[in-house]
C-alpha cells in the first residue's frame, strides 16, 4: 500500500506507539496528584500537566502513517512553537495565524478552543483538497493570538488510580483541580482576534 501524498507533521506512525507507564499517587504541598512510577522531568510541561509517553522516531524509520492518530509531542510542539501542523515549518512571529477546522455548522468564534494547530496557507489549500474530513466541510479563520488553555487527556480516578472509562479525551483547564489526575494527550489553545476566512478566497490567494 502506498503512503498518502500528504502526511501531516502531527500524524503518528506505526512505529511510534503510545506507552502506558504504571502510575502512582504522589503528594505535594497542594495535595495528592497522579504520577508515573519512573517519572522524568520531561514527562510534565511547564504548567504541571503529566503527558502521555509516546515513542519519537526519526522520519525515515517511523513506518506507515496512522492518519487517524495524532502524535502527542509533535502536536504539543506545533502549538507551543507555532509550527504548521502539516509541513512542520515555523510560522514565525506573525501578526496573525491561520486555523483550519472541520465545519461544525458555524464559523470559528472568538475564544473558541481547539486542539488543531495552525497551518500555513499553502498547506491549508492542500489539506482542503486532500483530507477526506475537510472535503466534507471546513471553516477557517485568521487569529491574532492563541494562548494555551489546557489539555485533552485521559482522567484517572483519584481513589483507585484506574482510568475513568470514556470514548473521548477529556478537556481540562490548566488551573483546574482535575488536572492533577489527567494524563494529557493534546494541548488545547483558545483563539483570540478571530477573523473568519472565506475558503473560496483562500483558494485564490
N, C-alpha and C. Protein backbone atom coordinates (compact mmCIF):
# COMPACT_ATOMS: atom_id res chain seq x y z
N UNK A 1 0.84 -1.20 0.00
CA UNK A 1 0.00 0.00 0.00
C UNK A 1 0.88 1.25 0.00
N UNK A 2 0.59 2.20 -0.88
CA UNK A 2 1.36 3.42 -0.96
C UNK A 2 0.91 4.39 0.12
N UNK A 3 1.87 5.19 0.61
CA UNK A 3 1.52 6.20 1.58
C UNK A 3 0.74 7.31 0.90
N UNK A 4 -0.12 8.00 1.64
CA UNK A 4 -0.85 9.12 1.06
C UNK A 4 0.13 10.22 0.67
N UNK A 5 -0.23 11.05 -0.31
CA UNK A 5 0.70 12.07 -0.79
C UNK A 5 1.04 13.12 0.27
N UNK A 6 0.16 13.37 1.21
CA UNK A 6 0.40 14.37 2.24
C UNK A 6 0.22 13.72 3.61
N UNK A 7 1.28 13.74 4.40
CA UNK A 7 1.20 13.22 5.76
C UNK A 7 1.50 14.38 6.71
N UNK A 8 0.51 14.85 7.45
CA UNK A 8 0.74 15.97 8.35
C UNK A 8 1.85 15.70 9.37
N UNK A 9 2.56 16.75 9.72
CA UNK A 9 3.63 16.69 10.71
C UNK A 9 3.15 16.07 12.03
N UNK A 10 1.92 16.37 12.44
CA UNK A 10 1.44 15.91 13.75
C UNK A 10 0.90 14.48 13.72
N UNK A 11 0.93 13.82 12.57
CA UNK A 11 0.43 12.45 12.46
C UNK A 11 1.34 11.46 13.19
N UNK A 12 0.75 10.51 13.88
CA UNK A 12 1.51 9.42 14.48
C UNK A 12 1.69 8.29 13.46
N UNK A 13 2.79 7.54 13.58
CA UNK A 13 3.09 6.46 12.66
C UNK A 13 3.11 5.13 13.39
N UNK A 14 3.15 4.05 12.62
CA UNK A 14 3.01 2.72 13.21
C UNK A 14 4.15 2.36 14.16
N UNK A 15 5.33 2.95 13.98
CA UNK A 15 6.46 2.65 14.86
C UNK A 15 6.59 3.67 16.00
N UNK A 16 5.51 4.39 16.26
CA UNK A 16 5.51 5.37 17.34
C UNK A 16 4.36 5.07 18.31
N UNK A 17 4.44 3.94 19.00
CA UNK A 17 3.35 3.55 19.90
C UNK A 17 3.24 4.47 21.11
N UNK A 18 2.05 4.53 21.66
CA UNK A 18 1.82 5.21 22.93
C UNK A 18 2.10 4.23 24.05
N UNK A 19 2.95 4.63 24.96
CA UNK A 19 3.35 3.76 26.07
C UNK A 19 2.50 4.08 27.29
N UNK A 20 2.27 3.10 28.12
CA UNK A 20 1.43 3.26 29.31
C UNK A 20 2.23 2.91 30.56
N UNK A 21 3.04 3.84 31.07
CA UNK A 21 3.81 3.55 32.28
C UNK A 21 2.89 3.34 33.48
N UNK A 22 3.30 2.54 34.43
CA UNK A 22 2.49 2.39 35.65
C UNK A 22 2.41 3.71 36.41
N UNK A 23 1.27 3.94 37.05
CA UNK A 23 1.05 5.20 37.75
C UNK A 23 0.98 4.97 39.26
N UNK A 24 1.16 6.05 40.01
CA UNK A 24 1.03 6.01 41.46
C UNK A 24 0.52 7.36 41.95
N UNK A 25 0.20 7.41 43.23
CA UNK A 25 -0.26 8.64 43.84
C UNK A 25 0.93 9.34 44.50
N UNK A 26 1.20 10.56 44.07
CA UNK A 26 2.25 11.35 44.68
C UNK A 26 1.63 12.42 45.59
N UNK A 27 2.47 13.01 46.44
CA UNK A 27 1.97 14.02 47.36
C UNK A 27 2.86 15.26 47.28
N UNK A 28 2.22 16.42 47.22
CA UNK A 28 2.92 17.69 47.17
C UNK A 28 2.31 18.67 48.13
N UNK A 29 2.83 19.91 48.14
CA UNK A 29 2.33 20.94 49.06
C UNK A 29 0.84 21.21 48.92
N UNK A 30 0.30 21.00 47.73
CA UNK A 30 -1.12 21.29 47.49
C UNK A 30 -1.98 20.03 47.49
N UNK A 31 -1.40 18.90 47.88
CA UNK A 31 -2.19 17.68 47.98
C UNK A 31 -1.71 16.59 47.05
N UNK A 32 -2.46 15.48 46.98
CA UNK A 32 -2.07 14.34 46.15
C UNK A 32 -2.28 14.61 44.66
N UNK A 33 -1.53 13.90 43.83
CA UNK A 33 -1.65 14.03 42.38
C UNK A 33 -1.10 12.77 41.72
N UNK A 34 -1.47 12.59 40.47
CA UNK A 34 -1.07 11.41 39.70
C UNK A 34 0.36 11.56 39.20
N UNK A 35 1.10 10.46 39.21
CA UNK A 35 2.45 10.47 38.66
C UNK A 35 2.80 9.13 38.06
N UNK A 36 3.84 9.10 37.25
CA UNK A 36 4.39 7.85 36.73
C UNK A 36 5.37 7.29 37.76
N UNK A 37 5.48 5.97 37.80
CA UNK A 37 6.40 5.32 38.73
C UNK A 37 7.83 5.77 38.47
N UNK A 38 8.25 5.77 37.22
CA UNK A 38 9.61 6.19 36.88
C UNK A 38 9.57 7.54 36.15
N UNK A 39 8.87 8.49 36.72
CA UNK A 39 8.65 9.78 36.07
C UNK A 39 9.94 10.57 35.90
N UNK A 40 10.09 11.17 34.71
CA UNK A 40 11.23 12.04 34.41
C UNK A 40 10.72 13.48 34.28
N UNK A 41 11.63 14.42 34.31
CA UNK A 41 11.25 15.83 34.27
C UNK A 41 10.49 16.18 33.00
N UNK A 42 10.83 15.53 31.87
CA UNK A 42 10.18 15.85 30.61
C UNK A 42 8.78 15.23 30.48
N UNK A 43 8.35 14.46 31.49
CA UNK A 43 7.01 13.90 31.45
C UNK A 43 5.94 14.94 31.81
N UNK A 44 6.36 16.10 32.32
CA UNK A 44 5.42 17.17 32.65
C UNK A 44 5.78 18.44 31.89
N UNK A 45 4.75 19.24 31.62
CA UNK A 45 5.02 20.52 30.97
C UNK A 45 5.15 21.62 32.04
N UNK A 46 5.33 22.85 31.58
CA UNK A 46 5.56 23.95 32.50
C UNK A 46 4.39 24.31 33.37
N UNK A 47 3.20 23.79 33.07
CA UNK A 47 2.01 24.04 33.87
C UNK A 47 1.70 22.88 34.82
N UNK A 48 2.58 21.87 34.81
CA UNK A 48 2.41 20.76 35.72
C UNK A 48 1.62 19.59 35.19
N UNK A 49 1.19 19.66 33.93
CA UNK A 49 0.41 18.56 33.36
C UNK A 49 1.31 17.36 33.05
N UNK A 50 0.85 16.18 33.42
CA UNK A 50 1.53 14.93 33.11
C UNK A 50 1.14 14.50 31.71
N UNK A 51 2.14 14.17 30.87
CA UNK A 51 1.87 13.86 29.46
C UNK A 51 2.08 12.39 29.14
N UNK A 52 1.26 11.92 28.22
CA UNK A 52 1.38 10.54 27.75
C UNK A 52 2.76 10.32 27.15
N UNK A 53 3.27 9.13 27.29
CA UNK A 53 4.58 8.77 26.74
C UNK A 53 4.38 8.14 25.36
N UNK A 54 4.97 8.74 24.36
CA UNK A 54 4.84 8.22 23.00
C UNK A 54 6.21 8.22 22.34
N UNK A 55 6.53 7.12 21.68
CA UNK A 55 7.83 6.99 21.01
C UNK A 55 7.99 8.08 19.96
N UNK A 56 9.19 8.65 19.89
CA UNK A 56 9.52 9.67 18.91
C UNK A 56 10.64 9.12 18.03
N UNK A 57 10.30 8.83 16.77
CA UNK A 57 11.20 8.11 15.88
C UNK A 57 11.61 9.02 14.71
N UNK A 58 12.88 8.96 14.26
CA UNK A 58 13.29 9.76 13.10
C UNK A 58 12.41 9.48 11.89
N UNK A 59 12.23 10.47 11.03
CA UNK A 59 11.27 10.40 9.93
C UNK A 59 11.42 9.15 9.08
N UNK A 60 12.64 8.74 8.78
CA UNK A 60 12.84 7.61 7.89
C UNK A 60 12.52 6.25 8.48
N UNK A 61 12.28 6.20 9.81
CA UNK A 61 12.05 4.90 10.47
C UNK A 61 10.70 4.84 11.17
N UNK A 62 9.80 5.74 10.83
CA UNK A 62 8.52 5.79 11.54
C UNK A 62 7.52 4.74 11.06
N UNK A 63 7.73 4.19 9.87
CA UNK A 63 6.75 3.26 9.33
C UNK A 63 5.57 3.99 8.72
N UNK A 64 4.51 3.24 8.46
CA UNK A 64 3.34 3.83 7.80
C UNK A 64 2.63 4.84 8.69
N UNK A 65 2.14 5.91 8.11
CA UNK A 65 1.39 6.89 8.90
C UNK A 65 0.04 6.33 9.33
N UNK A 66 -0.39 6.70 10.51
CA UNK A 66 -1.72 6.38 11.01
C UNK A 66 -2.49 7.69 11.04
N UNK A 67 -3.12 8.01 9.93
CA UNK A 67 -3.72 9.32 9.76
C UNK A 67 -4.84 9.61 10.76
N UNK A 68 -5.37 8.57 11.36
CA UNK A 68 -6.43 8.78 12.35
C UNK A 68 -5.88 9.11 13.73
N UNK A 69 -4.55 9.09 13.87
CA UNK A 69 -3.93 9.32 15.17
C UNK A 69 -3.02 10.55 15.14
N UNK A 70 -2.95 11.22 16.28
CA UNK A 70 -2.11 12.41 16.43
C UNK A 70 -0.96 12.09 17.37
N UNK A 71 0.25 12.51 17.00
CA UNK A 71 1.40 12.30 17.88
C UNK A 71 1.40 13.37 18.96
N UNK A 72 1.38 12.95 20.22
CA UNK A 72 1.20 13.87 21.33
C UNK A 72 2.29 14.94 21.39
N UNK A 73 3.54 14.55 21.24
CA UNK A 73 4.63 15.52 21.38
C UNK A 73 4.67 16.48 20.21
N UNK A 74 4.47 15.97 18.99
CA UNK A 74 4.52 16.88 17.83
C UNK A 74 3.34 17.85 17.85
N UNK A 75 2.17 17.40 18.31
CA UNK A 75 1.04 18.32 18.43
C UNK A 75 1.36 19.40 19.46
N UNK A 76 1.93 18.99 20.56
CA UNK A 76 2.29 19.92 21.63
C UNK A 76 3.33 20.93 21.13
N UNK A 77 4.32 20.47 20.39
CA UNK A 77 5.33 21.37 19.84
C UNK A 77 4.73 22.35 18.84
N UNK A 78 3.84 21.84 18.00
CA UNK A 78 3.23 22.70 16.98
C UNK A 78 2.45 23.83 17.62
N UNK A 79 1.76 23.55 18.72
CA UNK A 79 1.02 24.58 19.43
C UNK A 79 1.97 25.57 20.10
N UNK A 80 2.99 25.07 20.77
CA UNK A 80 3.88 25.93 21.54
C UNK A 80 4.79 26.78 20.66
N UNK A 81 5.30 26.19 19.58
CA UNK A 81 6.27 26.88 18.72
C UNK A 81 5.67 27.46 17.46
N UNK A 82 4.33 27.44 17.35
CA UNK A 82 3.63 27.96 16.17
C UNK A 82 4.17 27.32 14.89
N UNK A 83 4.08 25.99 14.83
CA UNK A 83 4.50 25.23 13.65
C UNK A 83 3.28 24.85 12.84
N UNK A 84 3.42 24.84 11.52
CA UNK A 84 2.34 24.36 10.67
C UNK A 84 2.10 22.89 10.97
N UNK A 85 0.86 22.53 11.23
CA UNK A 85 0.56 21.15 11.58
C UNK A 85 0.75 20.17 10.43
N UNK A 86 0.87 20.68 9.21
CA UNK A 86 1.04 19.81 8.04
C UNK A 86 2.51 19.66 7.66
N UNK A 87 3.19 20.78 7.40
CA UNK A 87 4.59 20.68 6.96
C UNK A 87 5.58 20.78 8.11
N UNK A 88 5.13 21.25 9.27
CA UNK A 88 6.01 21.34 10.43
C UNK A 88 6.93 22.53 10.45
N UNK A 89 6.82 23.42 9.46
CA UNK A 89 7.69 24.60 9.41
C UNK A 89 7.18 25.68 10.35
N UNK A 90 8.14 26.48 10.86
CA UNK A 90 7.79 27.55 11.77
C UNK A 90 7.00 28.64 11.04
N UNK A 91 5.96 29.11 11.69
CA UNK A 91 5.18 30.22 11.15
C UNK A 91 5.71 31.55 11.67
N UNK A 92 6.77 31.49 12.49
CA UNK A 92 7.43 32.70 12.95
C UNK A 92 6.58 33.55 13.86
N UNK A 93 7.04 34.74 14.10
CA UNK A 93 6.31 35.69 14.94
C UNK A 93 5.39 36.52 14.06
N UNK A 94 4.36 35.88 13.54
CA UNK A 94 3.44 36.55 12.64
C UNK A 94 2.44 37.40 13.42
N UNK A 95 1.81 38.34 12.71
CA UNK A 95 0.76 39.15 13.33
C UNK A 95 -0.54 38.35 13.44
N UNK A 96 -0.69 37.34 12.59
CA UNK A 96 -1.88 36.51 12.64
C UNK A 96 -1.55 35.12 12.12
N UNK A 97 -2.37 34.16 12.51
CA UNK A 97 -2.13 32.76 12.18
C UNK A 97 -3.42 32.15 11.65
N UNK A 98 -3.27 31.24 10.70
CA UNK A 98 -4.43 30.61 10.07
C UNK A 98 -4.76 29.31 10.79
N UNK A 99 -6.03 29.16 11.15
CA UNK A 99 -6.52 27.91 11.75
C UNK A 99 -7.61 27.35 10.84
N UNK A 100 -7.54 26.05 10.62
CA UNK A 100 -8.46 25.34 9.73
C UNK A 100 -9.09 24.20 10.51
N UNK A 101 -10.43 24.10 10.46
CA UNK A 101 -11.13 23.07 11.23
C UNK A 101 -12.27 22.46 10.41
N UNK A 102 -12.75 21.32 10.89
CA UNK A 102 -13.96 20.76 10.30
C UNK A 102 -15.14 21.69 10.55
N UNK A 103 -16.07 21.70 9.62
CA UNK A 103 -17.24 22.55 9.73
C UNK A 103 -18.20 21.97 10.77
N UNK A 104 -18.47 22.76 11.82
CA UNK A 104 -19.42 22.34 12.86
C UNK A 104 -20.74 23.07 12.70
N UNK A 105 -20.97 23.64 11.54
CA UNK A 105 -22.22 24.34 11.29
C UNK A 105 -22.20 25.81 11.64
N UNK A 106 -21.02 26.34 11.93
CA UNK A 106 -20.88 27.75 12.28
C UNK A 106 -19.44 28.18 12.04
N UNK A 107 -19.20 29.48 11.93
CA UNK A 107 -17.81 29.96 11.78
C UNK A 107 -17.02 29.76 13.06
N UNK A 108 -15.71 29.82 12.96
CA UNK A 108 -14.85 29.80 14.14
C UNK A 108 -15.11 31.09 14.93
N UNK A 109 -15.35 30.96 16.24
CA UNK A 109 -15.74 32.10 17.04
C UNK A 109 -14.65 32.59 17.97
N UNK A 110 -14.81 33.82 18.45
CA UNK A 110 -13.88 34.41 19.40
C UNK A 110 -13.85 33.57 20.68
N UNK A 111 -12.64 33.24 21.14
CA UNK A 111 -12.47 32.46 22.35
C UNK A 111 -12.66 30.97 22.17
N UNK A 112 -12.92 30.52 20.95
CA UNK A 112 -13.12 29.09 20.70
C UNK A 112 -11.84 28.32 21.04
N UNK A 113 -12.02 27.10 21.54
CA UNK A 113 -10.89 26.27 21.90
C UNK A 113 -10.68 25.17 20.86
N UNK A 114 -9.41 24.79 20.67
CA UNK A 114 -9.12 23.77 19.67
C UNK A 114 -7.84 23.03 20.02
N UNK A 115 -7.75 21.79 19.56
CA UNK A 115 -6.51 21.02 19.64
C UNK A 115 -5.82 20.97 18.27
N UNK A 116 -6.37 21.69 17.31
CA UNK A 116 -5.82 21.69 15.95
C UNK A 116 -4.83 22.84 15.80
N UNK A 117 -3.54 22.56 15.61
CA UNK A 117 -2.54 23.63 15.50
C UNK A 117 -2.74 24.48 14.24
N UNK A 118 -2.04 25.61 14.16
CA UNK A 118 -2.17 26.47 12.98
C UNK A 118 -1.63 25.79 11.73
N UNK A 119 -1.86 26.42 10.60
CA UNK A 119 -1.45 25.86 9.31
C UNK A 119 -1.02 27.00 8.40
N UNK A 120 -0.04 26.75 7.55
CA UNK A 120 0.36 27.77 6.58
C UNK A 120 -0.63 27.75 5.41
N UNK A 121 -0.67 28.84 4.66
CA UNK A 121 -1.66 28.95 3.58
C UNK A 121 -1.48 27.86 2.52
N UNK A 122 -0.26 27.59 2.02
CA UNK A 122 -0.13 26.52 1.02
C UNK A 122 -0.62 25.17 1.53
N UNK A 123 -0.31 24.84 2.80
CA UNK A 123 -0.75 23.56 3.35
C UNK A 123 -2.25 23.54 3.60
N UNK A 124 -2.83 24.70 3.89
CA UNK A 124 -4.28 24.77 4.05
C UNK A 124 -4.97 24.41 2.74
N UNK A 125 -4.47 24.94 1.63
CA UNK A 125 -5.04 24.62 0.32
C UNK A 125 -4.94 23.13 0.04
N UNK A 126 -3.76 22.55 0.33
CA UNK A 126 -3.56 21.12 0.10
C UNK A 126 -4.51 20.30 0.97
N UNK A 127 -4.65 20.70 2.24
CA UNK A 127 -5.49 19.95 3.17
C UNK A 127 -6.95 19.95 2.73
N UNK A 128 -7.42 21.09 2.23
CA UNK A 128 -8.82 21.18 1.80
C UNK A 128 -9.11 20.24 0.64
N UNK A 129 -8.09 19.95 -0.15
CA UNK A 129 -8.27 19.04 -1.29
C UNK A 129 -7.98 17.59 -0.93
N UNK A 130 -7.03 17.37 -0.01
CA UNK A 130 -6.56 16.01 0.24
C UNK A 130 -7.23 15.32 1.43
N UNK A 131 -7.66 16.10 2.43
CA UNK A 131 -8.21 15.49 3.64
C UNK A 131 -9.68 15.14 3.43
N UNK A 132 -10.05 13.86 3.57
CA UNK A 132 -11.45 13.48 3.35
C UNK A 132 -12.41 14.13 4.34
N UNK A 133 -11.95 14.38 5.57
CA UNK A 133 -12.82 15.02 6.56
C UNK A 133 -13.08 16.48 6.20
N UNK A 134 -12.05 17.18 5.76
CA UNK A 134 -12.21 18.60 5.42
C UNK A 134 -12.98 18.77 4.11
N UNK A 135 -12.89 17.77 3.23
CA UNK A 135 -13.65 17.86 1.98
C UNK A 135 -15.15 17.84 2.25
N UNK A 136 -15.55 17.25 3.37
CA UNK A 136 -16.97 17.22 3.73
C UNK A 136 -17.46 18.56 4.25
N UNK A 137 -16.53 19.42 4.59
CA UNK A 137 -16.89 20.74 5.10
C UNK A 137 -15.82 21.27 6.02
N UNK A 138 -15.42 22.51 5.82
CA UNK A 138 -14.36 23.09 6.64
C UNK A 138 -14.64 24.57 6.88
N UNK A 139 -14.07 25.08 7.95
CA UNK A 139 -14.11 26.51 8.27
C UNK A 139 -12.69 26.94 8.60
N UNK A 140 -12.40 28.22 8.40
CA UNK A 140 -11.06 28.73 8.66
C UNK A 140 -11.17 30.14 9.22
N UNK A 141 -10.11 30.55 9.89
CA UNK A 141 -10.07 31.91 10.44
C UNK A 141 -8.62 32.34 10.65
N UNK A 142 -8.40 33.64 10.47
CA UNK A 142 -7.15 34.24 10.90
C UNK A 142 -7.29 34.58 12.38
N UNK A 143 -6.23 34.33 13.13
CA UNK A 143 -6.26 34.51 14.59
C UNK A 143 -5.02 35.32 15.00
N UNK A 144 -5.24 36.31 15.85
CA UNK A 144 -4.11 37.13 16.31
C UNK A 144 -3.30 36.46 17.40
N UNK A 145 -3.96 35.68 18.24
CA UNK A 145 -3.28 35.07 19.38
C UNK A 145 -3.97 33.77 19.74
N UNK A 146 -3.19 32.80 20.22
CA UNK A 146 -3.77 31.52 20.65
C UNK A 146 -3.07 31.00 21.91
N UNK A 147 -3.35 31.64 23.05
CA UNK A 147 -2.74 31.21 24.31
C UNK A 147 -3.20 29.82 24.73
N UNK A 148 -2.35 29.15 25.49
CA UNK A 148 -2.71 27.82 25.98
C UNK A 148 -3.88 27.93 26.95
N UNK A 149 -4.77 26.97 26.89
CA UNK A 149 -5.95 26.93 27.76
C UNK A 149 -5.88 25.74 28.70
N UNK A 150 -5.44 24.61 28.16
CA UNK A 150 -5.41 23.39 28.96
C UNK A 150 -4.99 22.21 28.12
N UNK A 151 -5.47 21.04 28.50
CA UNK A 151 -5.10 19.81 27.80
C UNK A 151 -6.34 18.95 27.58
N UNK A 152 -6.22 18.06 26.63
CA UNK A 152 -7.20 17.00 26.44
C UNK A 152 -6.49 15.69 26.78
N UNK A 153 -7.09 14.90 27.66
CA UNK A 153 -6.40 13.69 28.06
C UNK A 153 -7.31 12.67 28.70
N UNK A 154 -6.69 11.70 29.30
CA UNK A 154 -7.38 10.60 29.98
C UNK A 154 -7.39 10.88 31.48
N UNK A 155 -8.55 10.77 32.09
CA UNK A 155 -8.69 11.06 33.52
C UNK A 155 -8.63 9.77 34.34
N UNK A 156 -7.91 9.84 35.46
CA UNK A 156 -7.79 8.70 36.37
C UNK A 156 -8.60 8.97 37.64
N UNK A 157 -9.16 7.92 38.21
CA UNK A 157 -9.90 8.02 39.46
C UNK A 157 -8.90 8.27 40.60
N UNK A 158 -9.08 9.35 41.38
CA UNK A 158 -8.12 9.66 42.46
C UNK A 158 -8.02 8.58 43.53
N UNK A 159 -9.06 7.76 43.68
CA UNK A 159 -9.05 6.74 44.72
C UNK A 159 -8.45 5.42 44.22
N UNK A 160 -8.91 4.97 43.07
CA UNK A 160 -8.49 3.66 42.56
C UNK A 160 -7.29 3.74 41.62
N UNK A 161 -7.01 4.93 41.09
CA UNK A 161 -5.97 5.15 40.08
C UNK A 161 -6.24 4.35 38.81
N UNK A 162 -7.51 4.05 38.58
CA UNK A 162 -7.92 3.41 37.35
C UNK A 162 -8.42 4.48 36.37
N UNK A 163 -8.25 4.20 35.07
CA UNK A 163 -8.74 5.13 34.06
C UNK A 163 -10.25 5.21 34.12
N UNK A 164 -10.79 6.42 34.13
CA UNK A 164 -12.24 6.60 34.10
C UNK A 164 -12.70 6.33 32.68
N UNK A 165 -13.60 5.36 32.47
CA UNK A 165 -14.00 4.97 31.11
C UNK A 165 -14.61 6.14 30.34
N UNK A 166 -14.37 6.11 29.03
CA UNK A 166 -14.93 7.13 28.15
C UNK A 166 -14.34 6.99 26.76
N UNK A 167 -15.12 7.33 25.76
CA UNK A 167 -14.67 7.18 24.38
C UNK A 167 -13.81 8.35 23.92
N UNK A 168 -13.95 9.51 24.57
CA UNK A 168 -13.25 10.70 24.12
C UNK A 168 -12.28 11.19 25.18
N UNK A 169 -11.30 11.96 24.73
CA UNK A 169 -10.41 12.64 25.66
C UNK A 169 -11.20 13.74 26.39
N UNK A 170 -10.82 14.01 27.61
CA UNK A 170 -11.50 15.00 28.44
C UNK A 170 -10.73 16.31 28.38
N UNK A 171 -11.44 17.43 28.18
CA UNK A 171 -10.82 18.75 28.17
C UNK A 171 -10.71 19.27 29.59
N UNK A 172 -9.50 19.69 29.98
CA UNK A 172 -9.25 20.14 31.34
C UNK A 172 -8.43 21.42 31.31
N UNK A 173 -8.89 22.45 32.01
CA UNK A 173 -8.14 23.70 32.11
C UNK A 173 -6.87 23.49 32.92
N UNK A 174 -5.85 24.32 32.61
CA UNK A 174 -4.61 24.21 33.36
C UNK A 174 -4.78 24.58 34.83
N UNK A 175 -5.74 25.44 35.16
CA UNK A 175 -5.93 25.84 36.55
C UNK A 175 -6.99 25.01 37.27
N UNK A 176 -7.39 23.89 36.68
CA UNK A 176 -8.41 23.04 37.28
C UNK A 176 -7.79 22.01 38.22
N UNK A 177 -8.51 21.69 39.29
CA UNK A 177 -8.07 20.64 40.21
C UNK A 177 -8.00 19.29 39.49
N UNK A 178 -8.84 19.13 38.47
CA UNK A 178 -8.88 17.86 37.73
C UNK A 178 -7.57 17.56 37.02
N UNK A 179 -6.78 18.63 36.77
CA UNK A 179 -5.50 18.44 36.07
C UNK A 179 -4.58 17.49 36.84
N UNK A 180 -4.76 17.40 38.14
CA UNK A 180 -3.92 16.53 38.96
C UNK A 180 -4.06 15.06 38.59
N UNK A 181 -5.20 14.69 37.99
CA UNK A 181 -5.50 13.28 37.74
C UNK A 181 -5.66 12.98 36.25
N UNK A 182 -5.01 13.77 35.42
CA UNK A 182 -5.11 13.61 33.97
C UNK A 182 -3.75 13.29 33.37
N UNK A 183 -3.74 12.39 32.40
CA UNK A 183 -2.56 12.19 31.55
C UNK A 183 -2.91 12.81 30.20
N UNK A 184 -2.23 13.90 29.88
CA UNK A 184 -2.55 14.69 28.70
C UNK A 184 -2.09 14.03 27.41
N UNK A 185 -2.87 14.24 26.35
CA UNK A 185 -2.52 13.73 25.03
C UNK A 185 -2.52 14.84 23.97
N UNK A 186 -3.19 15.96 24.25
CA UNK A 186 -3.25 17.10 23.33
C UNK A 186 -3.18 18.39 24.13
N UNK A 187 -2.58 19.39 23.53
CA UNK A 187 -2.63 20.73 24.12
C UNK A 187 -3.81 21.48 23.51
N UNK A 188 -4.54 22.21 24.34
CA UNK A 188 -5.67 23.00 23.88
C UNK A 188 -5.31 24.47 23.97
N UNK A 189 -5.64 25.22 22.93
CA UNK A 189 -5.46 26.67 22.94
C UNK A 189 -6.81 27.34 22.73
N UNK A 190 -6.89 28.61 23.10
CA UNK A 190 -8.09 29.40 22.82
C UNK A 190 -7.73 30.45 21.77
N UNK A 191 -8.66 30.74 20.90
CA UNK A 191 -8.40 31.60 19.76
C UNK A 191 -8.94 33.01 20.01
N UNK A 192 -8.09 34.00 19.74
CA UNK A 192 -8.47 35.39 20.01
C UNK A 192 -8.08 36.29 18.84
N UNK A 193 -8.87 37.36 18.66
CA UNK A 193 -8.68 38.20 17.49
C UNK A 193 -9.05 37.45 16.24
N UNK A 194 -10.22 36.80 16.28
CA UNK A 194 -10.65 35.89 15.21
C UNK A 194 -11.28 36.65 14.05
N UNK A 195 -10.82 36.34 12.85
CA UNK A 195 -11.39 36.88 11.62
C UNK A 195 -11.70 35.72 10.67
N UNK A 196 -12.99 35.34 10.52
CA UNK A 196 -13.34 34.22 9.65
C UNK A 196 -12.81 34.41 8.23
N UNK A 197 -12.47 33.31 7.61
CA UNK A 197 -11.88 33.32 6.26
C UNK A 197 -12.86 32.71 5.26
N UNK A 198 -13.01 33.36 4.14
CA UNK A 198 -13.77 32.82 3.02
C UNK A 198 -12.89 31.80 2.31
N UNK A 199 -13.27 30.52 2.37
CA UNK A 199 -12.40 29.47 1.81
C UNK A 199 -12.21 29.64 0.30
N UNK A 200 -13.19 30.22 -0.38
CA UNK A 200 -13.04 30.48 -1.80
C UNK A 200 -11.90 31.45 -2.07
N UNK A 201 -11.80 32.47 -1.23
CA UNK A 201 -10.72 33.43 -1.38
C UNK A 201 -9.38 32.84 -0.97
N UNK A 202 -9.41 31.91 -0.02
CA UNK A 202 -8.18 31.26 0.40
C UNK A 202 -7.61 30.45 -0.76
N UNK A 203 -8.47 29.78 -1.51
CA UNK A 203 -8.02 29.02 -2.68
C UNK A 203 -7.41 29.95 -3.70
N UNK A 204 -7.94 31.15 -3.83
CA UNK A 204 -7.48 32.07 -4.86
C UNK A 204 -6.27 32.90 -4.43
N UNK A 205 -5.98 32.90 -3.12
CA UNK A 205 -4.91 33.75 -2.61
C UNK A 205 -3.54 33.30 -3.12
